[in-house]
Amino acid sequence: MKQRIFLSGLLVLTPILVGGINITTTKAQSFSCANAQIPSEMAICNNEVLLIKDEKLAELFSAVLVSTTGSVAFQNASQAHADWLRKRNACKIDFSCLEQNYDERIRTLVEMDL
């Protein structure tokens, strides 16, 4: 399981780590819809607006992780994201709740001004 998590994280970070790639044109969801098992992920995979928001959030969060690697800020960012994921997953299939949670998290990451 840890290996799968590492590989999925690596796939999200790869466009950022490889020079010359514009991450704004790289599509990278934060999870694979083929492996979606929980209600919130299935809802996201079935809603184009939420898929786009998830891709944007994945880009922003990857940038945060890269900019804070090896610091206390990295641990704080990781914990904050884990907390947010629990909040997102509590929405289950409530599209309005999911969209609101994504909007809030994206806004928080954008305001970090990396």
PDB file of N, CA and C in Angstrom:
ATOM      1  N   MET A   1       0.819  -1.194   0.000  1.00  0.00           N
ATOM      2  CA  MET A   1       0.000   0.000   0.000  1.00  0.00           C
ATOM      3  C   MET A   1       0.860   1.254   0.000  1.00  0.00           C
ATOM      4  N   LYS A   2       1.928   1.262   0.833  1.00  0.00           N
ATOM      5  CA  LYS A   2       2.801   2.426   0.890  1.00  0.00           C
ATOM      6  C   LYS A   2       3.459   2.672  -0.460  1.00  0.00           C
ATOM      7  N   GLN A   3       3.810   1.585  -1.155  1.00  0.00           N
ATOM      8  CA  GLN A   3       4.443   1.731  -2.456  1.00  0.00           C
ATOM      9  C   GLN A   3       3.486   2.396  -3.444  1.00  0.00           C
ATOM     10  N   ARG A   4       2.209   2.033  -3.423  1.00  0.00           N
ATOM     11  CA  ARG A   4       1.228   2.623  -4.332  1.00  0.00           C
ATOM     12  C   ARG A   4       1.051   4.107  -4.022  1.00  0.00           C
ATOM     13  N   ILE A   5       1.022   4.463  -2.740  1.00  0.00           N
ATOM     14  CA  ILE A   5       0.893   5.867  -2.356  1.00  0.00           C
ATOM     15  C   ILE A   5       2.104   6.641  -2.833  1.00  0.00           C
ATOM     16  N   PHE A   6       3.304   6.089  -2.648  1.00  0.00           N
ATOM     17  CA  PHE A   6       4.514   6.759  -3.092  1.00  0.00           C
ATOM     18  C   PHE A   6       4.500   6.966  -4.599  1.00  0.00           C
ATOM     19  N   LEU A   7       4.125   5.925  -5.345  1.00  0.00           N
ATOM     20  CA  LEU A   7       4.106   6.035  -6.800  1.00  0.00           C
ATOM     21  C   LEU A   7       3.088   7.054  -7.271  1.00  0.00           C
ATOM     22  N   SER A   8       1.909   7.109  -6.655  1.00  0.00           N
ATOM     23  CA  SER A   8       0.918   8.090  -7.078  1.00  0.00           C
ATOM     24  C   SER A   8       1.404   9.497  -6.758  1.00  0.00           C
ATOM     25  N   GLY A   9       2.078   9.670  -5.614  1.00  0.00           N
ATOM     26  CA  GLY A   9       2.646  10.971  -5.278  1.00  0.00           C
ATOM     27  C   GLY A   9       3.731  11.359  -6.254  1.00  0.00           C
ATOM     28  N   LEU A  10       4.548  10.387  -6.657  1.00  0.00           N
ATOM     29  CA  LEU A  10       5.602  10.636  -7.616  1.00  0.00           C
ATOM     30  C   LEU A  10       5.025  11.059  -8.956  1.00  0.00           C
ATOM     31  N   LEU A  11       3.940  10.433  -9.371  1.00  0.00           N
ATOM     32  CA  LEU A  11       3.307  10.796 -10.631  1.00  0.00           C
ATOM     33  C   LEU A  11       2.790  12.227 -10.596  1.00  0.00           C
ATOM     34  N   VAL A  12       2.295  12.655  -9.458  1.00  0.00           N
ATOM     35  CA  VAL A  12       1.809  14.025  -9.337  1.00  0.00           C
ATOM     36  C   VAL A  12       2.977  14.994  -9.369  1.00  0.00           C
ATOM     37  N   LEU A  13       4.101  14.629  -8.740  1.00  0.00           N
ATOM     38  CA  LEU A  13       5.248  15.524  -8.656  1.00  0.00           C
ATOM     39  C   LEU A  13       6.127  15.498  -9.907  1.00  0.00           C
ATOM     40  N   THR A  14       6.087  14.430 -10.693  1.00  0.00           N
ATOM     41  CA  THR A  14       6.947  14.298 -11.846  1.00  0.00           C
ATOM     42  C   THR A  14       6.898  15.496 -12.785  1.00  0.00           C
ATOM     43  N   PRO A  15       5.725  16.026 -13.150  1.00  0.00           N
ATOM     44  CA  PRO A  15       5.716  17.181 -14.050  1.00  0.00           C
ATOM     45  C   PRO A  15       6.425  18.393 -13.458  1.00  0.00           C
ATOM     46  N   ILE A  16       6.438  18.511 -12.159  1.00  0.00           N
ATOM     47  CA  ILE A  16       7.075  19.650 -11.521  1.00  0.00           C
ATOM     48  C   ILE A  16       8.582  19.448 -11.465  1.00  0.00           C
ATOM     49  N   LEU A  17       9.017  18.216 -11.234  1.00  0.00           N
ATOM     50  CA  LEU A  17      10.429  17.937 -11.069  1.00  0.00           C
ATOM     51  C   LEU A  17      11.180  17.897 -12.392  1.00  0.00           C
ATOM     52  N   VAL A  18      10.492  17.620 -13.479  1.00  0.00           N
ATOM     53  CA  VAL A  18      11.121  17.548 -14.794  1.00  0.00           C
ATOM     54  C   VAL A  18      11.111  18.937 -15.404  1.00  0.00           C
ATOM     55  N   GLY A  19      12.288  19.458 -15.708  1.00  0.00           N
ATOM     56  CA  GLY A  19      12.397  20.814 -16.228  1.00  0.00           C
ATOM     57  C   GLY A  19      11.693  20.991 -17.559  1.00  0.00           C
ATOM     58  N   GLY A  20      11.179  22.189 -17.790  1.00  0.00           N
ATOM     59  CA  GLY A  20      10.592  22.535 -19.067  1.00  0.00           C
ATOM     60  C   GLY A  20       9.153  22.128 -19.259  1.00  0.00           C
ATOM     61  N   ILE A  21       8.536  21.516 -18.292  1.00  0.00           N
ATOM     62  CA  ILE A  21       7.137  21.122 -18.433  1.00  0.00           C
ATOM     63  C   ILE A  21       6.273  22.155 -17.754  1.00  0.00           C
ATOM     64  N   ASN A  22       5.285  22.621 -18.455  1.00  0.00           N
ATOM     65  CA  ASN A  22       4.358  23.608 -17.909  1.00  0.00           C
ATOM     66  C   ASN A  22       3.278  22.866 -17.142  1.00  0.00           C
ATOM     67  N   ILE A  23       3.272  23.003 -15.800  1.00  0.00           N
ATOM     68  CA  ILE A  23       2.320  22.236 -15.011  1.00  0.00           C
ATOM     69  C   ILE A  23       0.884  22.688 -15.218  1.00  0.00           C
ATOM     70  N   THR A  24       0.665  23.852 -15.795  1.00  0.00           N
ATOM     71  CA  THR A  24      -0.706  24.293 -16.008  1.00  0.00           C
ATOM     72  C   THR A  24      -1.375  23.500 -17.128  1.00  0.00           C
ATOM     73  N   THR A  25      -0.565  22.842 -17.967  1.00  0.00           N
ATOM     74  CA  THR A  25      -1.151  22.049 -19.040  1.00  0.00           C
ATOM     75  C   THR A  25      -1.098  20.551 -18.738  1.00  0.00           C
ATOM     76  N   THR A  26      -0.522  20.179 -17.626  1.00  0.00           N
ATOM     77  CA  THR A  26      -0.412  18.780 -17.248  1.00  0.00           C
ATOM     78  C   THR A  26      -1.618  18.386 -16.404  1.00  0.00           C
ATOM     79  N   LYS A  27      -2.332  17.370 -16.830  1.00  0.00           N
ATOM     80  CA  LYS A  27      -3.498  16.893 -16.082  1.00  0.00           C
ATOM     81  C   LYS A  27      -3.060  15.814 -15.116  1.00  0.00           C
ATOM     82  N   ALA A  28      -3.304  16.029 -13.848  1.00  0.00           N
ATOM     83  CA  ALA A  28      -2.937  15.046 -12.828  1.00  0.00           C
ATOM     84  C   ALA A  28      -3.917  15.121 -11.678  1.00  0.00           C
ATOM     85  N   GLN A  29      -4.835  14.186 -11.668  1.00  0.00           N
ATOM     86  CA  GLN A  29      -5.765  14.119 -10.535  1.00  0.00           C
ATOM     87  C   GLN A  29      -5.008  13.703  -9.292  1.00  0.00           C
ATOM     88  N   SER A  30      -5.608  13.934  -8.151  1.00  0.00           N
ATOM     89  CA  SER A  30      -4.958  13.542  -6.908  1.00  0.00           C
ATOM     90  C   SER A  30      -5.157  12.058  -6.613  1.00  0.00           C
ATOM     91  N   PHE A  31      -5.994  11.379  -7.372  1.00  0.00           N
ATOM     92  CA  PHE A  31      -6.231   9.943  -7.216  1.00  0.00           C
ATOM     93  C   PHE A  31      -6.696   9.398  -8.564  1.00  0.00           C
ATOM     94  N   SER A  32      -6.662   8.094  -8.701  1.00  0.00           N
ATOM     95  CA  SER A  32      -7.079   7.450  -9.943  1.00  0.00           C
ATOM     96  C   SER A  32      -8.564   7.110  -9.892  1.00  0.00           C
ATOM     97  N   CYS A  33      -9.310   7.591 -10.867  1.00  0.00           N
ATOM     98  CA  CYS A  33     -10.737   7.248 -10.916  1.00  0.00           C
ATOM     99  C   CYS A  33     -10.943   5.745 -11.120  1.00  0.00           C
ATOM    100  N   ALA A  34      -9.991   5.092 -11.748  1.00  0.00           N
ATOM    101  CA  ALA A  34     -10.093   3.648 -11.942  1.00  0.00           C
ATOM    102  C   ALA A  34     -10.061   2.903 -10.608  1.00  0.00           C
ATOM    103  N   ASN A  35      -9.466   3.539  -9.593  1.00  0.00           N
ATOM    104  CA  ASN A  35      -9.361   2.903  -8.278  1.00  0.00           C
ATOM    105  C   ASN A  35     -10.273   3.548  -7.236  1.00  0.00           C
ATOM    106  N   ALA A  36     -11.154   4.447  -7.663  1.00  0.00           N
ATOM    107  CA  ALA A  36     -12.052   5.129  -6.728  1.00  0.00           C
ATOM    108  C   ALA A  36     -12.948   4.116  -6.036  1.00  0.00           C
ATOM    109  N   GLN A  37     -12.960   4.161  -4.701  1.00  0.00           N
ATOM    110  CA  GLN A  37     -13.774   3.208  -3.942  1.00  0.00           C
ATOM    111  C   GLN A  37     -14.673   3.889  -2.927  1.00  0.00           C
ATOM    112  N   ILE A  38     -14.309   5.086  -2.501  1.00  0.00           N
ATOM    113  CA  ILE A  38     -15.122   5.752  -1.485  1.00  0.00           C
ATOM    114  C   ILE A  38     -16.102   6.698  -2.178  1.00  0.00           C
ATOM    115  N   PRO A  39     -17.241   6.973  -1.560  1.00  0.00           N
ATOM    116  CA  PRO A  39     -18.281   7.771  -2.206  1.00  0.00           C
ATOM    117  C   PRO A  39     -17.806   9.129  -2.745  1.00  0.00           C
ATOM    118  N   SER A  40     -16.983   9.830  -1.975  1.00  0.00           N
ATOM    119  CA  SER A  40     -16.533  11.153  -2.431  1.00  0.00           C
ATOM    120  C   SER A  40     -15.714  11.039  -3.714  1.00  0.00           C
ATOM    121  N   GLU A  41     -14.827  10.062  -3.804  1.00  0.00           N
ATOM    122  CA  GLU A  41     -14.018   9.893  -5.014  1.00  0.00           C
ATOM    123  C   GLU A  41     -14.884   9.499  -6.201  1.00  0.00           C
ATOM    124  N   MET A  42     -15.863   8.630  -5.973  1.00  0.00           N
ATOM    125  CA  MET A  42     -16.758   8.242  -7.070  1.00  0.00           C
ATOM    126  C   MET A  42     -17.579   9.447  -7.545  1.00  0.00           C
ATOM    127  N   ALA A  43     -18.006  10.288  -6.608  1.00  0.00           N
ATOM    128  CA  ALA A  43     -18.758  11.490  -6.981  1.00  0.00           C
ATOM    129  C   ALA A  43     -17.886  12.427  -7.796  1.00  0.00           C
ATOM    130  N   ILE A  44     -16.636  12.615  -7.376  1.00  0.00           N
ATOM    131  CA  ILE A  44     -15.706  13.492  -8.090  1.00  0.00           C
ATOM    132  C   ILE A  44     -15.479  12.970  -9.503  1.00  0.00           C
ATOM    133  N   CYS A  45     -15.291  11.679  -9.637  1.00  0.00           N
ATOM    134  CA  CYS A  45     -15.031  11.078 -10.952  1.00  0.00           C
ATOM    135  C   CYS A  45     -16.227  11.199 -11.894  1.00  0.00           C
ATOM    136  N   ASN A  46     -17.394  11.437 -11.357  1.00  0.00           N
ATOM    137  CA  ASN A  46     -18.597  11.552 -12.177  1.00  0.00           C
ATOM    138  C   ASN A  46     -19.085  12.986 -12.331  1.00  0.00           C
ATOM    139  N   ASN A  47     -18.207  13.937 -12.057  1.00  0.00           N
ATOM    140  CA  ASN A  47     -18.587  15.344 -12.160  1.00  0.00           C
ATOM    141  C   ASN A  47     -17.414  16.125 -12.748  1.00  0.00           C
ATOM    142  N   GLU A  48     -17.602  16.650 -13.949  1.00  0.00           N
ATOM    143  CA  GLU A  48     -16.522  17.350 -14.670  1.00  0.00           C
ATOM    144  C   GLU A  48     -15.979  18.544 -13.884  1.00  0.00           C
ATOM    145  N   VAL A  49     -16.845  19.308 -13.246  1.00  0.00           N
ATOM    146  CA  VAL A  49     -16.407  20.480 -12.474  1.00  0.00           C
ATOM    147  C   VAL A  49     -15.503  20.043 -11.322  1.00  0.00           C
ATOM    148  N   LEU A  50     -15.899  18.988 -10.618  1.00  0.00           N
ATOM    149  CA  LEU A  50     -15.087  18.507  -9.502  1.00  0.00           C
ATOM    150  C   LEU A  50     -13.775  17.890  -9.984  1.00  0.00           C
ATOM    151  N   LEU A  51     -13.788  17.235 -11.128  1.00  0.00           N
ATOM    152  CA  LEU A  51     -12.544  16.699 -11.689  1.00  0.00           C
ATOM    153  C   LEU A  51     -11.551  17.817 -11.982  1.00  0.00           C
ATOM    154  N   ILE A  52     -12.038  18.893 -12.562  1.00  0.00           N
ATOM    155  CA  ILE A  52     -11.177  20.039 -12.869  1.00  0.00           C
ATOM    156  C   ILE A  52     -10.630  20.649 -11.585  1.00  0.00           C
ATOM    157  N   LYS A  53     -11.480  20.794 -10.584  1.00  0.00           N
ATOM    158  CA  LYS A  53     -11.035  21.346  -9.297  1.00  0.00           C
ATOM    159  C   LYS A  53     -10.006  20.413  -8.644  1.00  0.00           C
ATOM    160  N   ASP A  54     -10.204  19.110  -8.752  1.00  0.00           N
ATOM    161  CA  ASP A  54      -9.262  18.156  -8.184  1.00  0.00           C
ATOM    162  C   ASP A  54      -7.902  18.254  -8.877  1.00  0.00           C
ATOM    163  N   GLU A  55      -7.910  18.409 -10.198  1.00  0.00           N
ATOM    164  CA  GLU A  55      -6.658  18.575 -10.936  1.00  0.00           C
ATOM    165  C   GLU A  55      -5.938  19.846 -10.498  1.00  0.00           C
ATOM    166  N   LYS A  56      -6.668  20.939 -10.369  1.00  0.00           N
ATOM    167  CA  LYS A  56      -6.085  22.204  -9.934  1.00  0.00           C
ATOM    168  C   LYS A  56      -5.507  22.069  -8.531  1.00  0.00           C
ATOM    169  N   LEU A  57      -6.258  21.441  -7.637  1.00  0.00           N
ATOM    170  CA  LEU A  57      -5.795  21.254  -6.272  1.00  0.00           C
ATOM    171  C   LEU A  57      -4.529  20.393  -6.257  1.00  0.00           C
ATOM    172  N   ALA A  58      -4.482  19.351  -7.058  1.00  0.00           N
ATOM    173  CA  ALA A  58      -3.299  18.483  -7.120  1.00  0.00           C
ATOM    174  C   ALA A  58      -2.077  19.282  -7.559  1.00  0.00           C
ATOM    175  N   GLU A  59      -2.244  20.166  -8.534  1.00  0.00           N
ATOM    176  CA  GLU A  59      -1.129  21.011  -8.985  1.00  0.00           C
ATOM    177  C   GLU A  59      -0.647  21.928  -7.868  1.00  0.00           C
ATOM    178  N   LEU A  60      -1.589  22.584  -7.210  1.00  0.00           N
ATOM    179  CA  LEU A  60      -1.234  23.515  -6.134  1.00  0.00           C
ATOM    180  C   LEU A  60      -0.570  22.797  -4.972  1.00  0.00           C
ATOM    181  N   PHE A  61      -1.128  21.672  -4.557  1.00  0.00           N
ATOM    182  CA  PHE A  61      -0.569  20.952  -3.420  1.00  0.00           C
ATOM    183  C   PHE A  61       0.810  20.396  -3.753  1.00  0.00           C
ATOM    184  N   SER A  62       1.014  19.934  -4.976  1.00  0.00           N
ATOM    185  CA  SER A  62       2.338  19.465  -5.388  1.00  0.00           C
ATOM    186  C   SER A  62       3.362  20.582  -5.279  1.00  0.00           C
ATOM    187  N   ALA A  63       2.976  21.779  -5.692  1.00  0.00           N
ATOM    188  CA  ALA A  63       3.876  22.931  -5.590  1.00  0.00           C
ATOM    189  C   ALA A  63       4.211  23.236  -4.130  1.00  0.00           C
ATOM    190  N   VAL A  64       3.234  23.110  -3.257  1.00  0.00           N
ATOM    191  CA  VAL A  64       3.467  23.328  -1.824  1.00  0.00           C
ATOM    192  C   VAL A  64       4.467  22.296  -1.306  1.00  0.00           C
ATOM    193  N   LEU A  65       4.268  21.037  -1.654  1.00  0.00           N
ATOM    194  CA  LEU A  65       5.169  19.989  -1.179  1.00  0.00           C
ATOM    195  C   LEU A  65       6.588  20.212  -1.667  1.00  0.00           C
ATOM    196  N   VAL A  66       6.750  20.571  -2.929  1.00  0.00           N
ATOM    197  CA  VAL A  66       8.083  20.814  -3.478  1.00  0.00           C
ATOM    198  C   VAL A  66       8.751  22.001  -2.779  1.00  0.00           C
ATOM    199  N   SER A  67       7.996  23.044  -2.522  1.00  0.00           N
ATOM    200  CA  SER A  67       8.582  24.256  -1.936  1.00  0.00           C
ATOM    201  C   SER A  67       8.883  24.109  -0.448  1.00  0.00           C
ATOM    202  N   THR A  68       8.323  23.100   0.200  1.00  0.00           N
ATOM    203  CA  THR A  68       8.530  22.945   1.644  1.00  0.00           C
ATOM    204  C   THR A  68       9.281  21.666   2.001  1.00  0.00           C
ATOM    205  N   THR A  69       9.792  20.940   1.030  1.00  0.00           N
ATOM    206  CA  THR A  69      10.447  19.660   1.268  1.00  0.00           C
ATOM    207  C   THR A  69      11.529  19.782   2.343  1.00  0.00           C
ATOM    208  N   GLY A  70      11.494  18.845   3.284  1.00  0.00           N
ATOM    209  CA  GLY A  70      12.514  18.779   4.312  1.00  0.00           C
ATOM    210  C   GLY A  70      12.362  19.785   5.434  1.00  0.00           C
ATOM    211  N   SER A  71      11.203  20.378   5.561  1.00  0.00           N
ATOM    212  CA  SER A  71      11.013  21.383   6.604  1.00  0.00           C
ATOM    213  C   SER A  71       9.793  21.053   7.461  1.00  0.00           C
ATOM    214  N   VAL A  72       9.676  21.778   8.552  1.00  0.00           N
ATOM    215  CA  VAL A  72       8.492  21.642   9.400  1.00  0.00           C
ATOM    216  C   VAL A  72       7.252  22.047   8.608  1.00  0.00           C
ATOM    217  N   ALA A  73       7.405  23.015   7.710  1.00  0.00           N
ATOM    218  CA  ALA A  73       6.282  23.458   6.878  1.00  0.00           C
ATOM    219  C   ALA A  73       5.752  22.303   6.029  1.00  0.00           C
ATOM    220  N   PHE A  74       6.632  21.407   5.594  1.00  0.00           N
ATOM    221  CA  PHE A  74       6.217  20.230   4.821  1.00  0.00           C
ATOM    222  C   PHE A  74       5.307  19.348   5.661  1.00  0.00           C
ATOM    223  N   GLN A  75       5.718  19.092   6.898  1.00  0.00           N
ATOM    224  CA  GLN A  75       4.896  18.277   7.795  1.00  0.00           C
ATOM    225  C   GLN A  75       3.562  18.950   8.074  1.00  0.00           C
ATOM    226  N   ASN A  76       3.586  20.253   8.286  1.00  0.00           N
ATOM    227  CA  ASN A  76       2.347  20.991   8.537  1.00  0.00           C
ATOM    228  C   ASN A  76       1.428  20.951   7.325  1.00  0.00           C
ATOM    229  N   ALA A  77       2.004  21.119   6.136  1.00  0.00           N
ATOM    230  CA  ALA A  77       1.208  21.090   4.909  1.00  0.00           C
ATOM    231  C   ALA A  77       0.598  19.708   4.694  1.00  0.00           C
ATOM    232  N   SER A  78       1.373  18.676   4.957  1.00  0.00           N
ATOM    233  CA  SER A  78       0.880  17.306   4.808  1.00  0.00           C
ATOM    234  C   SER A  78      -0.246  17.018   5.784  1.00  0.00           C
ATOM    235  N   GLN A  79      -0.097  17.455   7.030  1.00  0.00           N
ATOM    236  CA  GLN A  79      -1.137  17.234   8.038  1.00  0.00           C
ATOM    237  C   GLN A  79      -2.407  18.014   7.690  1.00  0.00           C
ATOM    238  N   ALA A  80      -2.240  19.260   7.252  1.00  0.00           N
ATOM    239  CA  ALA A  80      -3.397  20.076   6.873  1.00  0.00           C
ATOM    240  C   ALA A  80      -4.142  19.437   5.707  1.00  0.00           C
ATOM    241  N   HIS A  81      -3.396  18.849   4.771  1.00  0.00           N
ATOM    242  CA  HIS A  81      -4.039  18.217   3.621  1.00  0.00           C
ATOM    243  C   HIS A  81      -4.768  16.945   4.048  1.00  0.00           C
ATOM    244  N   ALA A  82      -4.176  16.185   4.947  1.00  0.00           N
ATOM    245  CA  ALA A  82      -4.839  14.973   5.457  1.00  0.00           C
ATOM    246  C   ALA A  82      -6.134  15.352   6.183  1.00  0.00           C
ATOM    247  N   ASP A  83      -6.075  16.429   6.959  1.00  0.00           N
ATOM    248  CA  ASP A  83      -7.283  16.919   7.646  1.00  0.00           C
ATOM    249  C   ASP A  83      -8.346  17.317   6.622  1.00  0.00           C
ATOM    250  N   TRP A  84      -7.911  18.007   5.556  1.00  0.00           N
ATOM    251  CA  TRP A  84      -8.854  18.433   4.522  1.00  0.00           C
ATOM    252  C   TRP A  84      -9.469  17.224   3.815  1.00  0.00           C
ATOM    253  N   LEU A  85      -8.660  16.204   3.541  1.00  0.00           N
ATOM    254  CA  LEU A  85      -9.188  15.012   2.879  1.00  0.00           C
ATOM    255  C   LEU A  85     -10.290  14.354   3.716  1.00  0.00           C
ATOM    256  N   ARG A  86     -10.104  14.308   5.025  1.00  0.00           N
ATOM    257  CA  ARG A  86     -11.157  13.750   5.888  1.00  0.00           C
ATOM    258  C   ARG A  86     -12.428  14.589   5.775  1.00  0.00           C
ATOM    259  N   LYS A  87     -12.271  15.899   5.744  1.00  0.00           N
ATOM    260  CA  LYS A  87     -13.421  16.799   5.607  1.00  0.00           C
ATOM    261  C   LYS A  87     -14.091  16.599   4.242  1.00  0.00           C
ATOM    262  N   ARG A  88     -13.282  16.499   3.183  1.00  0.00           N
ATOM    263  CA  ARG A  88     -13.825  16.265   1.833  1.00  0.00           C
ATOM    264  C   ARG A  88     -14.568  14.947   1.793  1.00  0.00           C
ATOM    265  N   ASN A  89     -13.973  13.912   2.331  1.00  0.00           N
ATOM    266  CA  ASN A  89     -14.584  12.583   2.268  1.00  0.00           C
ATOM    267  C   ASN A  89     -15.874  12.498   3.068  1.00  0.00           C
ATOM    268  N   ALA A  90     -16.023  13.344   4.077  1.00  0.00           N
ATOM    269  CA  ALA A  90     -17.260  13.379   4.863  1.00  0.00           C
ATOM    270  C   ALA A  90     -18.437  13.875   4.027  1.00  0.00           C
ATOM    271  N   CYS A  91     -18.154  14.562   2.921  1.00  0.00           N
ATOM    272  CA  CYS A  91     -19.221  15.040   2.025  1.00  0.00           C
ATOM    273  C   CYS A  91     -19.905  13.887   1.299  1.00  0.00           C
ATOM    274  N   LYS A  92     -19.206  12.772   1.184  1.00  0.00           N
ATOM    275  CA  LYS A  92     -19.699  11.598   0.461  1.00  0.00           C
ATOM    276  C   LYS A  92     -20.108  11.984  -0.958  1.00  0.00           C
ATOM    277  N   ILE A  93     -21.403  11.918  -1.312  1.00  0.00           N
ATOM    278  CA  ILE A  93     -21.819  12.218  -2.697  1.00  0.00           C
ATOM    279  C   ILE A  93     -22.535  13.564  -2.802  1.00  0.00           C
ATOM    280  N   ASP A  94     -22.376  14.403  -1.818  1.00  0.00           N
ATOM    281  CA  ASP A  94     -22.988  15.742  -1.820  1.00  0.00           C
ATOM    282  C   ASP A  94     -22.119  16.667  -2.675  1.00  0.00           C
ATOM    283  N   PHE A  95     -22.518  16.856  -3.932  1.00  0.00           N
ATOM    284  CA  PHE A  95     -21.733  17.636  -4.883  1.00  0.00           C
ATOM    285  C   PHE A  95     -21.505  19.072  -4.405  1.00  0.00           C
ATOM    286  N   SER A  96     -22.500  19.671  -3.801  1.00  0.00           N
ATOM    287  CA  SER A  96     -22.367  21.030  -3.297  1.00  0.00           C
ATOM    288  C   SER A  96     -21.321  21.102  -2.187  1.00  0.00           C
ATOM    289  N   CYS A  97     -21.363  20.175  -1.284  1.00  0.00           N
ATOM    290  CA  CYS A  97     -20.394  20.100  -0.196  1.00  0.00           C
ATOM    291  C   CYS A  97     -18.984  19.883  -0.755  1.00  0.00           C
ATOM    292  N   LEU A  98     -18.855  18.975  -1.700  1.00  0.00           N
ATOM    293  CA  LEU A  98     -17.557  18.701  -2.304  1.00  0.00           C
ATOM    294  C   LEU A  98     -17.005  19.949  -2.996  1.00  0.00           C
ATOM    295  N   GLU A  99     -17.847  20.609  -3.777  1.00  0.00           N
ATOM    296  CA  GLU A  99     -17.392  21.799  -4.497  1.00  0.00           C
ATOM    297  C   GLU A  99     -16.969  22.893  -3.524  1.00  0.00           C
ATOM    298  N   GLN A 100     -17.731  23.094  -2.480  1.00  0.00           N
ATOM    299  CA  GLN A 100     -17.396  24.118  -1.478  1.00  0.00           C
ATOM    300  C   GLN A 100     -16.059  23.785  -0.804  1.00  0.00           C
ATOM    301  N   ASN A 101     -15.850  22.521  -0.467  1.00  0.00           N
ATOM    302  CA  ASN A 101     -14.593  22.113   0.154  1.00  0.00           C
ATOM    303  C   ASN A 101     -13.407  22.314  -0.785  1.00  0.00           C
ATOM    304  N   TYR A 102     -13.581  21.982  -2.050  1.00  0.00           N
ATOM    305  CA  TYR A 102     -12.504  22.205  -3.019  1.00  0.00           C
ATOM    306  C   TYR A 102     -12.215  23.698  -3.160  1.00  0.00           C
ATOM    307  N   ASP A 103     -13.251  24.513  -3.267  1.00  0.00           N
ATOM    308  CA  ASP A 103     -13.048  25.956  -3.408  1.00  0.00           C
ATOM    309  C   ASP A 103     -12.275  26.525  -2.228  1.00  0.00           C
ATOM    310  N   GLU A 104     -12.641  26.105  -1.028  1.00  0.00           N
ATOM    311  CA  GLU A 104     -11.961  26.592   0.177  1.00  0.00           C
ATOM    312  C   GLU A 104     -10.494  26.144   0.206  1.00  0.00           C
ATOM    313  N   ARG A 105     -10.243  24.887  -0.120  1.00  0.00           N
ATOM    314  CA  ARG A 105      -8.866  24.374  -0.082  1.00  0.00           C
ATOM    315  C   ARG A 105      -8.006  25.021  -1.155  1.00  0.00           C
ATOM    316  N   ILE A 106      -8.555  25.183  -2.358  1.00  0.00           N
ATOM    317  CA  ILE A 106      -7.813  25.847  -3.428  1.00  0.00           C
ATOM    318  C   ILE A 106      -7.479  27.271  -3.020  1.00  0.00           C
ATOM    319  N   ARG A 107      -8.450  27.977  -2.464  1.00  0.00           N
ATOM    320  CA  ARG A 107      -8.226  29.352  -2.012  1.00  0.00           C
ATOM    321  C   ARG A 107      -7.107  29.401  -0.961  1.00  0.00           C
ATOM    322  N   THR A 108      -7.127  28.465  -0.020  1.00  0.00           N
ATOM    323  CA  THR A 108      -6.097  28.408   1.020  1.00  0.00           C
ATOM    324  C   THR A 108      -4.711  28.205   0.404  1.00  0.00           C
ATOM    325  N   LEU A 109      -4.601  27.286  -0.547  1.00  0.00           N
ATOM    326  CA  LEU A 109      -3.314  27.019  -1.168  1.00  0.00           C
ATOM    327  C   LEU A 109      -2.839  28.186  -2.030  1.00  0.00           C
ATOM    328  N   VAL A 110      -3.752  28.824  -2.731  1.00  0.00           N
ATOM    329  CA  VAL A 110      -3.388  29.989  -3.550  1.00  0.00           C
ATOM    330  C   VAL A 110      -2.883  31.119  -2.655  1.00  0.00           C
ATOM    331  N   GLU A 111      -3.513  31.300  -1.514  1.00  0.00           N
ATOM    332  CA  GLU A 111      -3.131  32.381  -0.593  1.00  0.00           C
ATOM    333  C   GLU A 111      -1.777  32.139   0.051  1.00  0.00           C
ATOM    334  N   MET A 112      -1.231  30.922  -0.085  1.00  0.00           N
ATOM    335  CA  MET A 112       0.112  30.651   0.429  1.00  0.00           C
ATOM    336  C   MET A 112       1.159  31.382  -0.401  1.00  0.00           C
ATOM    337  N   ASP A 113       0.788  31.807  -1.607  1.00  0.00           N
ATOM    338  CA  ASP A 113       1.628  32.634  -2.473  1.00  0.00           C
ATOM    339  C   ASP A 113       3.026  32.050  -2.655  1.00  0.00           C
ATOM    340  N   LEU A 114       3.074  30.875  -3.260  1.00  0.00           N
ATOM    341  CA  LEU A 114       4.380  30.218  -3.466  1.00  0.00           C
ATOM    342  C   LEU A 114       5.119  30.782  -4.631  1.00  0.00           C
TER     343      LEU A 114
END
